[in-house]
Every structure is written in C-alpha cells, then in structure tokens.
PDB file of N, CA and C in Angstrom:
ATOM      1  N   MET A   1    -215.406-272.597  -5.537  1.00  0.00           N
ATOM      2  CA  MET A   1    -216.499-272.290  -5.729  1.00  0.00           C
ATOM      3  C   MET A   1    -216.920-271.101  -6.776  1.00  0.00           C
ATOM      4  N   HIS A   2    -216.382-270.008  -6.059  1.00  0.00           N
ATOM      5  CA  HIS A   2    -216.160-268.934  -6.273  1.00  0.00           C
ATOM      6  C   HIS A   2    -215.756-268.893  -7.737  1.00  0.00           C
ATOM      7  N   LEU A   3    -214.774-269.605  -8.408  1.00  0.00           N
ATOM      8  CA  LEU A   3    -214.438-269.294  -9.755  1.00  0.00           C
ATOM      9  C   LEU A   3    -215.489-269.732 -10.421  1.00  0.00           C
ATOM     10  N   VAL A   4    -216.055-270.814 -10.013  1.00  0.00           N
ATOM     11  CA  VAL A   4    -216.963-271.315 -11.159  1.00  0.00           C
ATOM     12  C   VAL A   4    -218.351-270.217 -11.307  1.00  0.00           C
ATOM     13  N   VAL A   5    -218.729-269.457 -10.031  1.00  0.00           N
ATOM     14  CA  VAL A   5    -219.803-268.620 -10.024  1.00  0.00           C
ATOM     15  C   VAL A   5    -219.156-267.257 -10.791  1.00  0.00           C
ATOM     16  N   ASN A   6    -217.872-266.770 -10.746  1.00  0.00           N
ATOM     17  CA  ASN A   6    -217.587-265.532 -11.543  1.00  0.00           C
ATOM     18  C   ASN A   6    -217.545-266.545 -13.073  1.00  0.00           C
ATOM     19  N   LEU A   7    -216.946-267.388 -13.671  1.00  0.00           N
ATOM     20  CA  LEU A   7    -217.071-267.507 -14.726  1.00  0.00           C
ATOM     21  C   LEU A   7    -218.515-267.869 -15.297  1.00  0.00           C
ATOM     22  N   LEU A   8    -219.132-268.088 -14.637  1.00  0.00           N
ATOM     23  CA  LEU A   8    -220.673-268.241 -14.776  1.00  0.00           C
ATOM     24  C   LEU A   8    -221.020-266.921 -15.430  1.00  0.00           C
ATOM     25  N   ILE A   9    -221.149-266.024 -14.198  1.00  0.00           N
ATOM     26  CA  ILE A   9    -221.449-264.689 -14.291  1.00  0.00           C
ATOM     27  C   ILE A   9    -221.137-264.001 -15.772  1.00  0.00           C
ATOM     28  N   GLN A  10    -219.614-264.333 -15.468  1.00  0.00           N
ATOM     29  CA  GLN A  10    -219.136-263.684 -17.075  1.00  0.00           C
ATOM     30  C   GLN A  10    -219.406-264.191 -18.342  1.00  0.00           C
ATOM     31  N   VAL A  11    -219.968-265.664 -18.346  1.00  0.00           N
ATOM     32  CA  VAL A  11    -220.645-266.222 -19.636  1.00  0.00           C
ATOM     33  C   VAL A  11    -221.874-265.482 -19.630  1.00  0.00           C
ATOM     34  N   ILE A  12    -222.869-265.195 -18.744  1.00  0.00           N
ATOM     35  CA  ILE A  12    -224.169-264.626 -18.732  1.00  0.00           C
ATOM     36  C   ILE A  12    -223.853-263.070 -19.083  1.00  0.00           C
ATOM     37  N   ASN A  13    -222.850-262.226 -18.743  1.00  0.00           N
ATOM     38  CA  ASN A  13    -222.466-261.016 -19.091  1.00  0.00           C
ATOM     39  C   ASN A  13    -222.195-261.197 -20.772  1.00  0.00           C
ATOM     40  N   LEU A  14    -221.729-261.764 -21.181  1.00  0.00           N
ATOM     41  CA  LEU A  14    -221.209-262.242 -22.809  1.00  0.00           C
ATOM     42  C   LEU A  14    -222.404-262.353 -23.582  1.00  0.00           C
ATOM     43  N   LEU A  15    -223.360-263.232 -22.943  1.00  0.00           N
ATOM     44  CA  LEU A  15    -224.618-263.532 -23.928  1.00  0.00           C
ATOM     45  C   LEU A  15    -225.470-262.372 -23.727  1.00  0.00           C
ATOM     46  N   ASN A  16    -225.439-261.541 -22.793  1.00  0.00           N
ATOM     47  CA  ASN A  16    -226.558-260.273 -22.475  1.00  0.00           C
ATOM     48  C   ASN A  16    -226.113-259.300 -23.957  1.00  0.00           C
ATOM     49  N   ILE A  17    -224.580-259.499 -24.047  1.00  0.00           N
ATOM     50  CA  ILE A  17    -223.774-258.413 -24.503  1.00  0.00           C
ATOM     51  C   ILE A  17    -224.339-258.883 -26.261  1.00  0.00           C
ATOM     52  N   LEU A  18    -224.104-260.169 -26.412  1.00  0.00           N
ATOM     53  CA  LEU A  18    -224.169-260.677 -27.947  1.00  0.00           C
ATOM     54  C   LEU A  18    -225.622-260.463 -28.073  1.00  0.00           C
ATOM     55  N   ILE A  19    -226.495-260.628 -27.093  1.00  0.00           N
ATOM     56  CA  ILE A  19    -227.812-260.516 -27.922  1.00  0.00           C
ATOM     57  C   ILE A  19    -228.151-259.405 -28.194  1.00  0.00           C
ATOM     58  N   LEU A  20    -228.121-258.000 -27.401  1.00  0.00           N
ATOM     59  CA  LEU A  20    -228.087-256.621 -27.624  1.00  0.00           C
ATOM     60  C   LEU A  20    -227.230-256.420 -28.796  1.00  0.00           C
ATOM     61  N   ILE A  21    -226.255-256.882 -29.114  1.00  0.00           N
ATOM     62  CA  ILE A  21    -225.610-256.738 -30.511  1.00  0.00           C
ATOM     63  C   ILE A  21    -226.511-257.627 -31.778  1.00  0.00           C
ATOM     64  N   TRP A  22    -226.979-258.112 -31.424  1.00  0.00           N
ATOM     65  CA  TRP A  22    -227.712-258.990 -32.263  1.00  0.00           C
ATOM     66  C   TRP A  22    -228.917-258.411 -32.654  1.00  0.00           C
ATOM     67  N   CYS A  23    -229.649-257.845 -31.451  1.00  0.00           N
ATOM     68  CA  CYS A  23    -230.850-257.072 -31.942  1.00  0.00           C
ATOM     69  C   CYS A  23    -230.650-255.744 -32.473  1.00  0.00           C
ATOM     70  N   LEU A  24    -229.745-254.711 -32.059  1.00  0.00           N
ATOM     71  CA  LEU A  24    -229.123-253.875 -32.783  1.00  0.00           C
ATOM     72  C   LEU A  24    -228.693-254.178 -34.491  1.00  0.00           C
ATOM     73  N   LEU A  25    -228.067-255.232 -35.010  1.00  0.00           N
ATOM     74  CA  LEU A  25    -228.004-255.701 -36.141  1.00  0.00           C
ATOM     75  C   LEU A  25    -228.922-256.314 -37.002  1.00  0.00           C
ATOM     76  N   SER A  26    -229.968-256.551 -36.010  1.00  0.00           N
ATOM     77  CA  SER A  26    -231.118-256.815 -36.847  1.00  0.00           C
ATOM     78  C   SER A  26    -231.941-256.098 -37.270  1.00  0.00           C
ATOM     79  N   TRP A  27    -231.773-254.642 -36.818  1.00  0.00           N
ATOM     80  CA  TRP A  27    -232.082-253.309 -37.822  1.00  0.00           C
ATOM     81  C   TRP A  27    -231.922-253.346 -39.044  1.00  0.00           C
ATOM     82  N   PHE A  28    -230.915-253.573 -39.623  1.00  0.00           N
ATOM     83  CA  PHE A  28    -230.171-253.224 -40.739  1.00  0.00           C
ATOM     84  C   PHE A  28    -230.464-254.610 -41.549  1.00  0.00           C
ATOM     85  N   SER A  29    -231.238-254.300 -42.576  1.00  0.00           N
ATOM     86  CA  SER A  29    -231.347-255.369 -43.687  1.00  0.00           C
ATOM     87  C   SER A  29    -230.353-255.547 -44.690  1.00  0.00           C
ATOM     88  N   GLN A  30    -229.411-254.626 -44.670  1.00  0.00           N
ATOM     89  CA  GLN A  30    -228.086-255.296 -45.743  1.00  0.00           C
ATOM     90  C   GLN A  30    -227.477-256.107 -45.007  1.00  0.00           C
ATOM     91  N   ILE A  31    -227.515-256.643 -43.898  1.00  0.00           N
ATOM     92  CA  ILE A  31    -226.305-257.307 -43.407  1.00  0.00           C
ATOM     93  C   ILE A  31    -226.579-259.087 -43.878  1.00  0.00           C
ATOM     94  N   ASN A  32    -226.003-259.324 -44.255  1.00  0.00           N
ATOM     95  CA  ASN A  32    -226.124-260.848 -44.604  1.00  0.00           C
ATOM     96  C   ASN A  32    -226.122-261.987 -43.593  1.00  0.00           C
ATOM     97  N   TRP A  33    -227.085-262.594 -42.991  1.00  0.00           N
ATOM     98  CA  TRP A  33    -226.846-263.611 -41.907  1.00  0.00           C
ATOM     99  C   TRP A  33    -226.206-264.814 -42.146  1.00  0.00           C
ATOM    100  N   ARG A  34    -225.690-265.243 -43.457  1.00  0.00           N
ATOM    101  CA  ARG A  34    -225.476-266.318 -44.008  1.00  0.00           C
ATOM    102  C   ARG A  34    -223.604-266.029 -44.075  1.00  0.00           C
ATOM    103  N   GLU A  35    -223.271-264.902 -43.772  1.00  0.00           N
ATOM    104  CA  GLU A  35    -221.669-264.949 -43.869  1.00  0.00           C
ATOM    105  C   GLU A  35    -221.219-264.484 -42.385  1.00  0.00           C
ATOM    106  N   GLN A  36    -219.785-264.923 -42.114  1.00  0.00           N
ATOM    107  CA  GLN A  36    -219.206-264.728 -40.827  1.00  0.00           C
ATOM    108  C   GLN A  36    -219.034-263.334 -40.599  1.00  0.00           C
ATOM    109  N   PRO A  37    -219.066-262.685 -39.486  1.00  0.00           N
ATOM    110  CA  PRO A  37    -219.348-263.036 -38.331  1.00  0.00           C
ATOM    111  C   PRO A  37    -220.675-263.288 -37.986  1.00  0.00           C
ATOM    112  N   PHE A  38    -221.487-262.892 -38.627  1.00  0.00           N
ATOM    113  CA  PHE A  38    -222.900-262.453 -38.363  1.00  0.00           C
ATOM    114  C   PHE A  38    -223.960-264.085 -38.220  1.00  0.00           C
ATOM    115  N   LEU A  39    -223.165-264.968 -38.893  1.00  0.00           N
ATOM    116  CA  LEU A  39    -223.668-266.422 -38.860  1.00  0.00           C
ATOM    117  C   LEU A  39    -223.402-267.017 -37.306  1.00  0.00           C
ATOM    118  N   ALA A  40    -222.133-266.993 -36.980  1.00  0.00           N
ATOM    119  CA  ALA A  40    -221.996-267.340 -35.564  1.00  0.00           C
ATOM    120  C   ALA A  40    -222.508-266.647 -34.514  1.00  0.00           C
ATOM    121  N   LEU A  41    -222.878-265.351 -34.552  1.00  0.00           N
ATOM    122  CA  LEU A  41    -223.894-264.479 -33.828  1.00  0.00           C
ATOM    123  C   LEU A  41    -224.897-265.339 -33.699  1.00  0.00           C
ATOM    124  N   ASP A  42    -225.681-265.399 -34.679  1.00  0.00           N
ATOM    125  CA  ASP A  42    -227.296-265.949 -35.222  1.00  0.00           C
ATOM    126  C   ASP A  42    -227.110-267.199 -34.628  1.00  0.00           C
ATOM    127  N   LYS A  43    -226.137-268.136 -34.524  1.00  0.00           N
ATOM    128  CA  LYS A  43    -226.312-269.467 -34.054  1.00  0.00           C
ATOM    129  C   LYS A  43    -226.185-269.280 -32.670  1.00  0.00           C
ATOM    130  N   ILE A  44    -225.332-268.413 -32.279  1.00  0.00           N
ATOM    131  CA  ILE A  44    -225.210-268.711 -30.500  1.00  0.00           C
ATOM    132  C   ILE A  44    -226.589-268.125 -30.029  1.00  0.00           C
ATOM    133  N   VAL A  45    -227.092-267.018 -30.438  1.00  0.00           N
ATOM    134  CA  VAL A  45    -228.055-266.132 -29.948  1.00  0.00           C
ATOM    135  C   VAL A  45    -229.639-266.903 -30.381  1.00  0.00           C
ATOM    136  N   GLY A  46    -229.300-267.308 -31.283  1.00  0.00           N
ATOM    137  CA  GLY A  46    -230.567-268.480 -31.809  1.00  0.00           C
ATOM    138  C   GLY A  46    -230.912-269.465 -31.268  1.00  0.00           C
ATOM    139  N   SER A  47    -229.857-270.045 -30.548  1.00  0.00           N
ATOM    140  CA  SER A  47    -229.908-271.563 -29.736  1.00  0.00           C
ATOM    141  C   SER A  47    -230.407-271.018 -28.189  1.00  0.00           C
ATOM    142  N   ILE A  48    -230.473-269.771 -28.001  1.00  0.00           N
ATOM    143  CA  ILE A  48    -230.860-269.595 -26.811  1.00  0.00           C
ATOM    144  C   ILE A  48    -232.490-269.078 -26.760  1.00  0.00           C
ATOM    145  N   MET A  49    -232.419-268.259 -28.049  1.00  0.00           N
ATOM    146  CA  MET A  49    -234.066-267.619 -28.071  1.00  0.00           C
ATOM    147  C   MET A  49    -234.990-268.748 -28.645  1.00  0.00           C
ATOM    148  N   ASN A  50    -234.474-269.477 -29.483  1.00  0.00           N
ATOM    149  CA  ASN A  50    -235.289-270.169 -30.364  1.00  0.00           C
ATOM    150  C   ASN A  50    -236.393-270.936 -29.432  1.00  0.00           C
ATOM    151  N   PRO A  51    -236.051-271.576 -28.278  1.00  0.00           N
ATOM    152  CA  PRO A  51    -236.820-272.538 -27.648  1.00  0.00           C
ATOM    153  C   PRO A  51    -237.850-271.389 -27.239  1.00  0.00           C
ATOM    154  N   LEU A  52    -237.353-270.253 -26.464  1.00  0.00           N
ATOM    155  CA  LEU A  52    -238.669-269.397 -25.657  1.00  0.00           C
ATOM    156  C   LEU A  52    -239.409-269.115 -26.950  1.00  0.00           C
ATOM    157  N   ARG A  53    -239.107-269.040 -28.382  1.00  0.00           N
ATOM    158  CA  ARG A  53    -239.753-268.577 -29.326  1.00  0.00           C
ATOM    159  C   ARG A  53    -241.191-269.268 -29.324  1.00  0.00           C
ATOM    160  N   GLY A  54    -241.240-270.269 -29.346  1.00  0.00           N
ATOM    161  CA  GLY A  54    -242.100-271.108 -29.580  1.00  0.00           C
ATOM    162  C   GLY A  54    -243.210-271.127 -28.611  1.00  0.00           C
ATOM    163  N   ILE A  55    -242.878-270.854 -27.268  1.00  0.00           N
ATOM    164  CA  ILE A  55    -243.681-270.181 -26.051  1.00  0.00           C
ATOM    165  C   ILE A  55    -244.260-268.946 -25.900  1.00  0.00           C
ATOM    166  N   ILE A  56    -243.293-268.375 -26.431  1.00  0.00           N
ATOM    167  CA  ILE A  56    -243.771-266.624 -26.268  1.00  0.00           C
ATOM    168  C   ILE A  56    -244.002-265.891 -27.563  1.00  0.00           C
ATOM    169  N   PRO A  57    -245.226-265.723 -28.087  1.00  0.00           N
ATOM    170  CA  PRO A  57    -245.700-265.226 -29.394  1.00  0.00           C
ATOM    171  C   PRO A  57    -245.442-263.603 -29.288  1.00  0.00           C
ATOM    172  N   PRO A  58    -245.095-263.390 -30.804  1.00  0.00           N
ATOM    173  CA  PRO A  58    -244.926-261.864 -30.986  1.00  0.00           C
ATOM    174  C   PRO A  58    -246.064-260.819 -30.095  1.00  0.00           C
ATOM    175  N   ILE A  59    -245.597-259.898 -29.895  1.00  0.00           N
ATOM    176  CA  ILE A  59    -246.661-258.894 -29.728  1.00  0.00           C
ATOM    177  C   ILE A  59    -246.787-257.903 -30.938  1.00  0.00           C
ATOM    178  N   GLY A  60    -248.104-257.991 -31.557  1.00  0.00           N
ATOM    179  CA  GLY A  60    -247.842-257.348 -32.730  1.00  0.00           C
ATOM    180  C   GLY A  60    -247.108-257.753 -33.653  1.00  0.00           C
ATOM    181  N   ASN A  61    -246.076-257.295 -34.413  1.00  0.00           N
ATOM    182  CA  ASN A  61    -244.950-257.667 -35.065  1.00  0.00           C
ATOM    183  C   ASN A  61    -243.645-257.290 -34.247  1.00  0.00           C
ATOM    184  N   VAL A  62    -243.710-257.309 -33.183  1.00  0.00           N
ATOM    185  CA  VAL A  62    -242.529-257.098 -32.257  1.00  0.00           C
ATOM    186  C   VAL A  62    -242.451-258.525 -31.264  1.00  0.00           C
ATOM    187  N   ASP A  63    -240.668-258.812 -31.571  1.00  0.00           N
ATOM    188  CA  ASP A  63    -240.511-260.331 -31.218  1.00  0.00           C
ATOM    189  C   ASP A  63    -239.805-259.580 -29.462  1.00  0.00           C
ATOM    190  N   ILE A  64    -240.454-259.777 -28.458  1.00  0.00           N
ATOM    191  CA  ILE A  64    -240.046-259.816 -26.785  1.00  0.00           C
ATOM    192  C   ILE A  64    -239.021-260.722 -26.716  1.00  0.00           C
ATOM    193  N   THR A  65    -238.909-261.876 -27.409  1.00  0.00           N
ATOM    194  CA  THR A  65    -238.204-262.825 -26.731  1.00  0.00           C
ATOM    195  C   THR A  65    -236.511-262.418 -26.137  1.00  0.00           C
ATOM    196  N   PRO A  66    -235.962-261.315 -27.018  1.00  0.00           N
ATOM    197  CA  PRO A  66    -234.376-261.058 -26.806  1.00  0.00           C
ATOM    198  C   PRO A  66    -234.769-260.444 -25.309  1.00  0.00           C
ATOM    199  N   MET A  67    -235.797-259.402 -25.055  1.00  0.00           N
ATOM    200  CA  MET A  67    -235.949-258.727 -23.834  1.00  0.00           C
ATOM    201  C   MET A  67    -236.135-259.891 -22.820  1.00  0.00           C
ATOM    202  N   LEU A  68    -237.289-260.673 -22.618  1.00  0.00           N
ATOM    203  CA  LEU A  68    -237.320-261.584 -21.803  1.00  0.00           C
ATOM    204  C   LEU A  68    -235.752-262.471 -21.818  1.00  0.00           C
ATOM    205  N   VAL A  69    -235.209-262.766 -22.500  1.00  0.00           N
ATOM    206  CA  VAL A  69    -234.269-263.862 -22.375  1.00  0.00           C
ATOM    207  C   VAL A  69    -233.314-263.116 -21.545  1.00  0.00           C
ATOM    208  N   MET A  70    -233.415-261.781 -21.720  1.00  0.00           N
ATOM    209  CA  MET A  70    -231.709-260.722 -21.146  1.00  0.00           C
ATOM    210  C   MET A  70    -232.410-260.815 -19.473  1.00  0.00           C
ATOM    211  N   ILE A  71    -233.601-260.904 -19.310  1.00  0.00           N
ATOM    212  CA  ILE A  71    -234.190-260.269 -17.898  1.00  0.00           C
ATOM    213  C   ILE A  71    -234.004-261.801 -17.295  1.00  0.00           C
ATOM    214  N   LEU A  72    -233.965-262.902 -17.912  1.00  0.00           N
ATOM    215  CA  LEU A  72    -234.049-264.087 -17.221  1.00  0.00           C
ATOM    216  C   LEU A  72    -232.449-264.398 -17.202  1.00  0.00           C
ATOM    217  N   LEU A  73    -231.520-263.916 -17.831  1.00  0.00           N
ATOM    218  CA  LEU A  73    -230.187-264.305 -17.393  1.00  0.00           C
ATOM    219  C   LEU A  73    -230.036-263.384 -16.583  1.00  0.00           C
ATOM    220  N   GLN A  74    -230.455-262.169 -16.580  1.00  0.00           N
ATOM    221  CA  GLN A  74    -229.874-261.138 -15.315  1.00  0.00           C
ATOM    222  C   GLN A  74    -230.589-261.664 -14.140  1.00  0.00           C
ATOM    223  N   MET A  75    -231.656-262.472 -13.948  1.00  0.00           N
ATOM    224  CA  MET A  75    -232.291-263.176 -12.581  1.00  0.00           C
ATOM    225  C   MET A  75    -231.287-264.180 -12.111  1.00  0.00           C
ATOM    226  N   ILE A  76    -230.998-264.973 -13.238  1.00  0.00           N
ATOM    227  CA  ILE A  76    -229.958-266.480 -13.121  1.00  0.00           C
ATOM    228  C   ILE A  76    -228.321-265.907 -12.826  1.00  0.00           C
ATOM    229  N   GLU A  77    -228.347-264.419 -13.068  1.00  0.00           N
ATOM    230  CA  GLU A  77    -227.213-263.847 -12.411  1.00  0.00           C
ATOM    231  C   GLU A  77    -226.973-263.672 -10.884  1.00  0.00           C
ATOM    232  N   ARG A  78    -228.204-262.807 -10.607  1.00  0.00           N
ATOM    233  CA  ARG A  78    -228.511-262.487  -9.520  1.00  0.00           C
ATOM    234  C   ARG A  78    -228.334-263.506  -8.301  1.00  0.00           C
ATOM    235  N   LEU A  79    -229.145-264.544  -8.881  1.00  0.00           N
ATOM    236  CA  LEU A  79    -229.567-265.871  -8.021  1.00  0.00           C
ATOM    237  C   LEU A  79    -227.891-266.383  -7.856  1.00  0.00           C
ATOM    238  N   LEU A  80    -227.204-266.669  -8.778  1.00  0.00           N
ATOM    239  CA  LEU A  80    -225.458-266.954  -8.571  1.00  0.00           C
ATOM    240  C   LEU A  80    -224.979-266.021  -7.623  1.00  0.00           C
ATOM    241  N   ILE A  81    -225.099-264.930  -7.699  1.00  0.00           N
ATOM    242  CA  ILE A  81    -224.366-263.564  -6.714  1.00  0.00           C
ATOM    243  C   ILE A  81    -225.118-264.152  -5.326  1.00  0.00           C
ATOM    244  N   THR A  82    -226.206-264.180  -4.788  1.00  0.00           N
ATOM    245  CA  THR A  82    -226.818-264.529  -3.845  1.00  0.00           C
ATOM    246  C   THR A  82    -226.394-266.035  -3.343  1.00  0.00           C
ATOM    247  N   LEU A  83    -226.482-266.899  -4.081  1.00  0.00           N
ATOM    248  CA  LEU A  83    -226.229-268.338  -3.672  1.00  0.00           C
ATOM    249  C   LEU A  83    -224.492-268.469  -3.031  1.00  0.00           C
ATOM    250  N   SER A  84    -223.595-267.291  -3.696  1.00  0.00           N
ATOM    251  CA  SER A  84    -222.095-267.662  -3.992  1.00  0.00           C
ATOM    252  C   SER A  84    -221.694-267.009  -2.151  1.00  0.00           C
TER     253      SER A  84
END
C-alpha cells in the first residue's frame, strides 16, 4: 500500500512541476506550442486544467486555473499522506 501511495505522491509532484514549467513558458511568446517538447507539455497540463477552465472564469485577464489545480493536487497529496 505504501508503494502505491508513494508512487501517487511522486506523480502529483511531477504534475506540479510540469504545471509550473508550463506557466513560466507561457510568458514567452516566441515558443511554438505545436513543436515538441512543448506540445507534449501542453497536452499533459491542458488535460488537467481544461475541465476546470470551463468552471473557473479568468479574473480580469489572468487565468487562475493553474494555481487552483496546484493547490488541489497538494491537498490530494496531503490526504494520501494522512491516509497511509
């Protein structure tokens, strides 16, 4: 059981890092998101954030979905640690 929990925690940490990298790269307009490795990064992060984007509107012109997804992932991680 601890092996599964540790694996899930590592996946959550990896997703948090990928979301952070995606956010930082989104500030650079010269990045072509249709080329690798940016396409793969966009598909991974987009598949997590797109369902919430329909629910959570941007505040002004700022998309807060990445921040909320990272908070949600950290809450899931803490829940897994508590339950293990």
